[in-house]
Amino acid sequence: MMVEIKRLLAVLALAFSCVSMWGCGDWFDEDTHFDWAEHRTEKSIVGFIDDSLVITYNARNWYEVKDENDDQVGSGKGNQAIFVYNYRVQLDGPVFMDSLDNGMEENFNYGLGQLGDSVIWGGNVNHLTNDMGNVYSFWKIGQKPYKVKVKENKDGCSVGFNVRKLRTWLDGKIYAQGSKLTRGGDTCQYAILDSVAKNLTYKRFGDDLKWIQKCDDVRAWEKDVYCVILDDESGNSIILKNQFDTIPNSRRFYIGGFWGSMVKMNGNICSLKDEKITCSDVTWRGDGLKFYKDDEVVVDLNL
């Protein structure tokens, strides 16, 4: 009886989901039912709010299963959730959490990365398979996410890329980049996302921004552009402001970049305020959900 109730609830959730997503007639076989995974998928870290709070993201998997033999024929994710934890002190749970009651929504990831402060972004952003435009989501802590379907344009280049990074940019726009900058030919190097006009415009750097080609990560604060240049051999990485001004930093780092308003330098989570870098004494090494102080684990978000 309990199994049948769960199946009924899954079907009802699917029906609601299909109404909000243009119908599911072409997606699912009539001779199947749907089961939710018992546990959520493993949490992943998607952002840092300040020197003590971290954002994680996860979801629940669902499975389409044949009625006659229980063979799995499809799967997806739903009930996506964000959690905010204190990463300096081991607490019994998150200080904040919110989840979506969105049923069985296929192929959409709300937690691809951090945009700024307490906002994470996600979406269906493979430009090669979305002729009608890509869909981006923006989820601010304490609010529900909203989606923006954008049209793609090309300005001075002809070959686009799949977006892997969004950063706050000048004039309220959003800077978009692939997994790395391309430099030659007519390949587009970056893009500007205008969430108000709902346009994603691919570009090559003009004379005013050519210096960004040497940056491994870049973002803007108000009218200033900041850039991380990594030196993965000697660790003499630097942070620049507006091409020529180097932000003083006493730490050597090989890997890192911007996480919202924070800067990660190796395992150090640091703030950049008034041209000064201040780092937390608790580090995240990128190995799962553990945080360290003096080589001892002080917070494990799996607990």
Foldseek 3Di string as FASTA:
>chain_A
DVVVVQQVVLVVLVVVLQVVVVHCPPPDDPQKTKDKDPDKDAWDWAFAQAQFKTKIKIWIKMFIAGNPPRDTDDMATAFIKMFMDGQQAADPAGPDMDTDSNRGDHDWDQRLHAAANQKGKTWDFAPVPCQPFTKMWICGPPDHIDIFGADEAEDQADAEAGWRDWYAAEPRKIKTAHQAADDDDRYFGIWIADRVVRYIYTHHDDPQCPLQNQFPEWYDDYPKIKGWHADQPPQPIFIDISNPRTQDDPDRAHDWYDRHQWTQGQFWTWHQDPSHIDTHQWGDRSPGQFIDHPNDTRYRNVD
